[in-house]
Amino acid sequence: MVWYAYLFIVLALLIGAILGFFLAQRYFKRYLAKNPPINEKMVRAMMTQMGRKPSEKQVRQVMASMNQFK
């Protein structure tokens, strides 16, 4: 009768871990969709703050290098 309790605990932990993984994945995808990590507008703002006038080519190079690591 005791082994039923252990089996129930193990199954509950396993189901909780699987459910938690999928819920966390869903939350993270929604968060990234609402708050993208960086875009061209942000790159232009950073370059302007550093005292540079960014050209379109420079902005695209930065975005390409960042997208390379995805």
PDB file of N, CA and C in Angstrom:
ATOM      1  N   MET A   1       0.812  -1.193   0.000  1.00  0.00           N
ATOM      2  CA  MET A   1       0.000   0.000   0.000  1.00  0.00           C
ATOM      3  C   MET A   1       0.860   1.264   0.000  1.00  0.00           C
ATOM      4  N   VAL A   2       2.049   1.181   0.565  1.00  0.00           N
ATOM      5  CA  VAL A   2       2.932   2.340   0.632  1.00  0.00           C
ATOM      6  C   VAL A   2       3.505   2.678  -0.746  1.00  0.00           C
ATOM      7  N   TRP A   3       3.719   1.673  -1.567  1.00  0.00           N
ATOM      8  CA  TRP A   3       4.320   1.954  -2.868  1.00  0.00           C
ATOM      9  C   TRP A   3       3.379   2.730  -3.767  1.00  0.00           C
ATOM     10  N   TYR A   4       2.066   2.670  -3.504  1.00  0.00           N
ATOM     11  CA  TYR A   4       1.126   3.493  -4.258  1.00  0.00           C
ATOM     12  C   TYR A   4       1.369   4.975  -3.996  1.00  0.00           C
ATOM     13  N   ALA A   5       1.691   5.286  -2.766  1.00  0.00           N
ATOM     14  CA  ALA A   5       1.958   6.682  -2.410  1.00  0.00           C
ATOM     15  C   ALA A   5       3.200   7.193  -3.138  1.00  0.00           C
ATOM     16  N   TYR A   6       4.254   6.359  -3.168  1.00  0.00           N
ATOM     17  CA  TYR A   6       5.474   6.762  -3.878  1.00  0.00           C
ATOM     18  C   TYR A   6       5.221   6.920  -5.371  1.00  0.00           C
ATOM     19  N   LEU A   7       4.458   6.026  -5.932  1.00  0.00           N
ATOM     20  CA  LEU A   7       4.118   6.100  -7.356  1.00  0.00           C
ATOM     21  C   LEU A   7       3.317   7.368  -7.644  1.00  0.00           C
ATOM     22  N   PHE A   8       2.363   7.691  -6.782  1.00  0.00           N
ATOM     23  CA  PHE A   8       1.565   8.895  -6.954  1.00  0.00           C
ATOM     24  C   PHE A   8       2.425  10.152  -6.871  1.00  0.00           C
ATOM     25  N   ILE A   9       3.368  10.202  -5.951  1.00  0.00           N
ATOM     26  CA  ILE A   9       4.253  11.361  -5.808  1.00  0.00           C
ATOM     27  C   ILE A   9       5.128  11.524  -7.046  1.00  0.00           C
ATOM     28  N   VAL A  10       5.694  10.427  -7.527  1.00  0.00           N
ATOM     29  CA  VAL A  10       6.549  10.482  -8.715  1.00  0.00           C
ATOM     30  C   VAL A  10       5.743  10.928  -9.935  1.00  0.00           C
ATOM     31  N   LEU A  11       4.566  10.392 -10.109  1.00  0.00           N
ATOM     32  CA  LEU A  11       3.725  10.793 -11.245  1.00  0.00           C
ATOM     33  C   LEU A  11       3.312  12.261 -11.150  1.00  0.00           C
ATOM     34  N   ALA A  12       2.979  12.711  -9.960  1.00  0.00           N
ATOM     35  CA  ALA A  12       2.596  14.109  -9.776  1.00  0.00           C
ATOM     36  C   ALA A  12       3.760  15.036 -10.103  1.00  0.00           C
ATOM     37  N   LEU A  13       4.969  14.686  -9.673  1.00  0.00           N
ATOM     38  CA  LEU A  13       6.144  15.506  -9.989  1.00  0.00           C
ATOM     39  C   LEU A  13       6.432  15.514 -11.486  1.00  0.00           C
ATOM     40  N   LEU A  14       6.299  14.376 -12.113  1.00  0.00           N
ATOM     41  CA  LEU A  14       6.552  14.283 -13.549  1.00  0.00           C
ATOM     42  C   LEU A  14       5.537  15.099 -14.343  1.00  0.00           C
ATOM     43  N   ILE A  15       4.276  14.970 -14.010  1.00  0.00           N
ATOM     44  CA  ILE A  15       3.234  15.739 -14.701  1.00  0.00           C
ATOM     45  C   ILE A  15       3.410  17.232 -14.441  1.00  0.00           C
ATOM     46  N   GLY A  16       3.765  17.599 -13.219  1.00  0.00           N
ATOM     47  CA  GLY A  16       3.995  19.003 -12.890  1.00  0.00           C
ATOM     48  C   GLY A  16       5.165  19.589 -13.654  1.00  0.00           C
ATOM     49  N   ALA A  17       6.228  18.809 -13.813  1.00  0.00           N
ATOM     50  CA  ALA A  17       7.400  19.284 -14.554  1.00  0.00           C
ATOM     51  C   ALA A  17       7.067  19.486 -16.029  1.00  0.00           C
ATOM     52  N   ILE A  18       6.341  18.547 -16.608  1.00  0.00           N
ATOM     53  CA  ILE A  18       5.977  18.659 -18.024  1.00  0.00           C
ATOM     54  C   ILE A  18       5.034  19.840 -18.232  1.00  0.00           C
ATOM     55  N   LEU A  19       4.038  19.964 -17.384  1.00  0.00           N
ATOM     56  CA  LEU A  19       3.092  21.072 -17.501  1.00  0.00           C
ATOM     57  C   LEU A  19       3.790  22.418 -17.278  1.00  0.00           C
ATOM     58  N   GLY A  20       4.676  22.468 -16.309  1.00  0.00           N
ATOM     59  CA  GLY A  20       5.426  23.695 -16.044  1.00  0.00           C
ATOM     60  C   GLY A  20       6.307  24.100 -17.213  1.00  0.00           C
ATOM     61  N   PHE A  21       6.920  23.126 -17.869  1.00  0.00           N
ATOM     62  CA  PHE A  21       7.759  23.415 -19.031  1.00  0.00           C
ATOM     63  C   PHE A  21       6.947  24.064 -20.142  1.00  0.00           C
ATOM     64  N   PHE A  22       5.792  23.484 -20.456  1.00  0.00           N
ATOM     65  CA  PHE A  22       4.995  24.028 -21.553  1.00  0.00           C
ATOM     66  C   PHE A  22       4.388  25.388 -21.206  1.00  0.00           C
ATOM     67  N   LEU A  23       3.999  25.579 -19.966  1.00  0.00           N
ATOM     68  CA  LEU A  23       3.472  26.886 -19.566  1.00  0.00           C
ATOM     69  C   LEU A  23       4.562  27.956 -19.600  1.00  0.00           C
ATOM     70  N   ALA A  24       5.764  27.610 -19.152  1.00  0.00           N
ATOM     71  CA  ALA A  24       6.877  28.566 -19.197  1.00  0.00           C
ATOM     72  C   ALA A  24       7.248  28.897 -20.637  1.00  0.00           C
ATOM     73  N   GLN A  25       7.236  27.905 -21.503  1.00  0.00           N
ATOM     74  CA  GLN A  25       7.547  28.130 -22.916  1.00  0.00           C
ATOM     75  C   GLN A  25       6.515  29.064 -23.547  1.00  0.00           C
ATOM     76  N   ARG A  26       5.260  28.846 -23.250  1.00  0.00           N
ATOM     77  CA  ARG A  26       4.192  29.690 -23.791  1.00  0.00           C
ATOM     78  C   ARG A  26       4.327  31.127 -23.297  1.00  0.00           C
ATOM     79  N   TYR A  27       4.611  31.292 -21.993  1.00  0.00           N
ATOM     80  CA  TYR A  27       4.785  32.619 -21.419  1.00  0.00           C
ATOM     81  C   TYR A  27       5.964  33.345 -22.063  1.00  0.00           C
ATOM     82  N   PHE A  28       7.073  32.643 -22.248  1.00  0.00           N
ATOM     83  CA  PHE A  28       8.269  33.260 -22.817  1.00  0.00           C
ATOM     84  C   PHE A  28       8.049  33.675 -24.264  1.00  0.00           C
ATOM     85  N   LYS A  29       7.347  32.858 -25.042  1.00  0.00           N
ATOM     86  CA  LYS A  29       7.064  33.228 -26.432  1.00  0.00           C
ATOM     87  C   LYS A  29       6.179  34.471 -26.498  1.00  0.00           C
ATOM     88  N   ARG A  30       5.178  34.548 -25.624  1.00  0.00           N
ATOM     89  CA  ARG A  30       4.329  35.740 -25.582  1.00  0.00           C
ATOM     90  C   ARG A  30       5.130  36.974 -25.184  1.00  0.00           C
ATOM     91  N   TYR A  31       6.004  36.830 -24.206  1.00  0.00           N
ATOM     92  CA  TYR A  31       6.821  37.957 -23.745  1.00  0.00           C
ATOM     93  C   TYR A  31       7.718  38.466 -24.869  1.00  0.00           C
ATOM     94  N   LEU A  32       8.354  37.557 -25.596  1.00  0.00           N
ATOM     95  CA  LEU A  32       9.227  37.980 -26.700  1.00  0.00           C
ATOM     96  C   LEU A  32       8.434  38.597 -27.844  1.00  0.00           C
ATOM     97  N   ALA A  33       7.215  38.152 -28.055  1.00  0.00           N
ATOM     98  CA  ALA A  33       6.391  38.744 -29.112  1.00  0.00           C
ATOM     99  C   ALA A  33       5.999  40.176 -28.749  1.00  0.00           C
ATOM    100  N   LYS A  34       5.704  40.417 -27.478  1.00  0.00           N
ATOM    101  CA  LYS A  34       5.324  41.764 -27.043  1.00  0.00           C
ATOM    102  C   LYS A  34       6.528  42.681 -26.874  1.00  0.00           C
ATOM    103  N   ASN A  35       7.665  42.132 -26.453  1.00  0.00           N
ATOM    104  CA  ASN A  35       8.880  42.909 -26.196  1.00  0.00           C
ATOM    105  C   ASN A  35      10.047  42.312 -26.968  1.00  0.00           C
ATOM    106  N   PRO A  36      10.168  42.618 -28.247  1.00  0.00           N
ATOM    107  CA  PRO A  36      11.269  42.042 -29.015  1.00  0.00           C
ATOM    108  C   PRO A  36      12.610  42.514 -28.460  1.00  0.00           C
ATOM    109  N   PRO A  37      13.634  41.675 -28.540  1.00  0.00           N
ATOM    110  CA  PRO A  37      14.916  42.003 -27.931  1.00  0.00           C
ATOM    111  C   PRO A  37      15.537  43.297 -28.472  1.00  0.00           C
ATOM    112  N   ILE A  38      15.566  43.461 -29.782  1.00  0.00           N
ATOM    113  CA  ILE A  38      16.144  44.678 -30.358  1.00  0.00           C
ATOM    114  C   ILE A  38      15.649  44.801 -31.795  1.00  0.00           C
ATOM    115  N   ASN A  39      15.501  46.043 -32.243  1.00  0.00           N
ATOM    116  CA  ASN A  39      15.077  46.266 -33.624  1.00  0.00           C
ATOM    117  C   ASN A  39      15.922  47.392 -34.221  1.00  0.00           C
ATOM    118  N   GLU A  40      15.646  47.730 -35.459  1.00  0.00           N
ATOM    119  CA  GLU A  40      16.461  48.733 -36.162  1.00  0.00           C
ATOM    120  C   GLU A  40      16.367  50.098 -35.493  1.00  0.00           C
ATOM    121  N   LYS A  41      15.208  50.427 -34.984  1.00  0.00           N
ATOM    122  CA  LYS A  41      15.036  51.718 -34.319  1.00  0.00           C
ATOM    123  C   LYS A  41      15.941  51.819 -33.087  1.00  0.00           C
ATOM    124  N   MET A  42      16.049  50.744 -32.336  1.00  0.00           N
ATOM    125  CA  MET A  42      16.916  50.733 -31.163  1.00  0.00           C
ATOM    126  C   MET A  42      18.388  50.846 -31.550  1.00  0.00           C
ATOM    127  N   VAL A  43      18.769  50.177 -32.635  1.00  0.00           N
ATOM    128  CA  VAL A  43      20.159  50.249 -33.102  1.00  0.00           C
ATOM    129  C   VAL A  43      20.500  51.686 -33.497  1.00  0.00           C
ATOM    130  N   ARG A  44      19.581  52.340 -34.219  1.00  0.00           N
ATOM    131  CA  ARG A  44      19.819  53.739 -34.608  1.00  0.00           C
ATOM    132  C   ARG A  44      19.954  54.635 -33.380  1.00  0.00           C
ATOM    133  N   ALA A  45      19.101  54.420 -32.386  1.00  0.00           N
ATOM    134  CA  ALA A  45      19.155  55.234 -31.171  1.00  0.00           C
ATOM    135  C   ALA A  45      20.475  55.028 -30.427  1.00  0.00           C
ATOM    136  N   MET A  46      20.944  53.792 -30.351  1.00  0.00           N
ATOM    137  CA  MET A  46      22.218  53.529 -29.667  1.00  0.00           C
ATOM    138  C   MET A  46      23.380  54.181 -30.399  1.00  0.00           C
ATOM    139  N   MET A  47      23.391  54.091 -31.720  1.00  0.00           N
ATOM    140  CA  MET A  47      24.486  54.690 -32.489  1.00  0.00           C
ATOM    141  C   MET A  47      24.448  56.213 -32.372  1.00  0.00           C
ATOM    142  N   THR A  48      23.265  56.786 -32.359  1.00  0.00           N
ATOM    143  CA  THR A  48      23.143  58.239 -32.203  1.00  0.00           C
ATOM    144  C   THR A  48      23.629  58.672 -30.826  1.00  0.00           C
ATOM    145  N   GLN A  49      23.316  57.897 -29.795  1.00  0.00           N
ATOM    146  CA  GLN A  49      23.781  58.230 -28.452  1.00  0.00           C
ATOM    147  C   GLN A  49      25.296  58.139 -28.335  1.00  0.00           C
ATOM    148  N   MET A  50      25.903  57.280 -29.137  1.00  0.00           N
ATOM    149  CA  MET A  50      27.362  57.161 -29.119  1.00  0.00           C
ATOM    150  C   MET A  50      28.020  58.255 -29.946  1.00  0.00           C
ATOM    151  N   GLY A  51      27.228  59.119 -30.551  1.00  0.00           N
ATOM    152  CA  GLY A  51      27.780  60.237 -31.303  1.00  0.00           C
ATOM    153  C   GLY A  51      28.039  59.934 -32.757  1.00  0.00           C
ATOM    154  N   ARG A  52      27.420  58.911 -33.287  1.00  0.00           N
ATOM    155  CA  ARG A  52      27.601  58.554 -34.687  1.00  0.00           C
ATOM    156  C   ARG A  52      26.292  58.754 -35.428  1.00  0.00           C
ATOM    157  N   LYS A  53      26.394  59.145 -36.662  1.00  0.00           N
ATOM    158  CA  LYS A  53      25.223  59.237 -37.523  1.00  0.00           C
ATOM    159  C   LYS A  53      25.158  57.937 -38.317  1.00  0.00           C
ATOM    160  N   PRO A  54      24.249  57.031 -37.942  1.00  0.00           N
ATOM    161  CA  PRO A  54      24.245  55.717 -38.587  1.00  0.00           C
ATOM    162  C   PRO A  54      23.662  55.765 -39.994  1.00  0.00           C
ATOM    163  N   SER A  55      24.345  55.082 -40.907  1.00  0.00           N
ATOM    164  CA  SER A  55      23.796  54.932 -42.250  1.00  0.00           C
ATOM    165  C   SER A  55      22.931  53.672 -42.265  1.00  0.00           C
ATOM    166  N   GLU A  56      22.127  53.559 -43.284  1.00  0.00           N
ATOM    167  CA  GLU A  56      21.250  52.389 -43.403  1.00  0.00           C
ATOM    168  C   GLU A  56      22.071  51.105 -43.519  1.00  0.00           C
ATOM    169  N   LYS A  57      23.197  51.190 -44.194  1.00  0.00           N
ATOM    170  CA  LYS A  57      24.069  50.020 -44.359  1.00  0.00           C
ATOM    171  C   LYS A  57      24.610  49.562 -43.009  1.00  0.00           C
ATOM    172  N   GLN A  58      25.028  50.499 -42.158  1.00  0.00           N
ATOM    173  CA  GLN A  58      25.552  50.145 -40.842  1.00  0.00           C
ATOM    174  C   GLN A  58      24.477  49.491 -39.979  1.00  0.00           C
ATOM    175  N   VAL A  59      23.273  50.035 -40.036  1.00  0.00           N
ATOM    176  CA  VAL A  59      22.178  49.477 -39.245  1.00  0.00           C
ATOM    177  C   VAL A  59      21.872  48.054 -39.698  1.00  0.00           C
ATOM    178  N   ARG A  60      21.840  47.846 -41.001  1.00  0.00           N
ATOM    179  CA  ARG A  60      21.555  46.500 -41.514  1.00  0.00           C
ATOM    180  C   ARG A  60      22.675  45.523 -41.173  1.00  0.00           C
ATOM    181  N   GLN A  61      23.938  45.999 -41.164  1.00  0.00           N
ATOM    182  CA  GLN A  61      25.047  45.132 -40.782  1.00  0.00           C
ATOM    183  C   GLN A  61      24.920  44.696 -39.325  1.00  0.00           C
ATOM    184  N   VAL A  62      24.560  45.628 -38.454  1.00  0.00           N
ATOM    185  CA  VAL A  62      24.395  45.294 -37.036  1.00  0.00           C
ATOM    186  C   VAL A  62      23.253  44.301 -36.861  1.00  0.00           C
ATOM    187  N   MET A  63      22.139  44.540 -37.536  1.00  0.00           N
ATOM    188  CA  MET A  63      20.996  43.629 -37.421  1.00  0.00           C
ATOM    189  C   MET A  63      21.345  42.238 -37.978  1.00  0.00           C
ATOM    190  N   ALA A  64      22.089  42.197 -39.069  1.00  0.00           N
ATOM    191  CA  ALA A  64      22.473  40.906 -39.652  1.00  0.00           C
ATOM    192  C   ALA A  64      23.389  40.149 -38.703  1.00  0.00           C
ATOM    193  N   SER A  65      24.320  40.856 -38.067  1.00  0.00           N
ATOM    194  CA  SER A  65      25.224  40.179 -37.133  1.00  0.00           C
ATOM    195  C   SER A  65      24.478  39.685 -35.905  1.00  0.00           C
ATOM    196  N   MET A  66      23.457  40.413 -35.465  1.00  0.00           N
ATOM    197  CA  MET A  66      22.682  39.969 -34.312  1.00  0.00           C
ATOM    198  C   MET A  66      21.769  38.806 -34.672  1.00  0.00           C
ATOM    199  N   ASN A  67      21.197  38.816 -35.873  1.00  0.00           N
ATOM    200  CA  ASN A  67      20.333  37.720 -36.296  1.00  0.00           C
ATOM    201  C   ASN A  67      21.105  36.440 -36.593  1.00  0.00           C
ATOM    202  N   GLN A  68      22.402  36.594 -36.821  1.00  0.00           N
ATOM    203  CA  GLN A  68      23.251  35.436 -37.086  1.00  0.00           C
ATOM    204  C   GLN A  68      23.326  34.520 -35.865  1.00  0.00           C
ATOM    205  N   PHE A  69      23.204  35.062 -34.664  1.00  0.00           N
ATOM    206  CA  PHE A  69      23.349  34.290 -33.440  1.00  0.00           C
ATOM    207  C   PHE A  69      22.043  33.691 -32.945  1.00  0.00           C
ATOM    208  N   LYS A  70      20.935  33.935 -33.634  1.00  0.00           N
ATOM    209  CA  LYS A  70      19.643  33.381 -33.199  1.00  0.00           C
ATOM    210  C   LYS A  70      19.549  31.916 -33.503  1.00  0.00           C
TER     211      LYS A  70
END
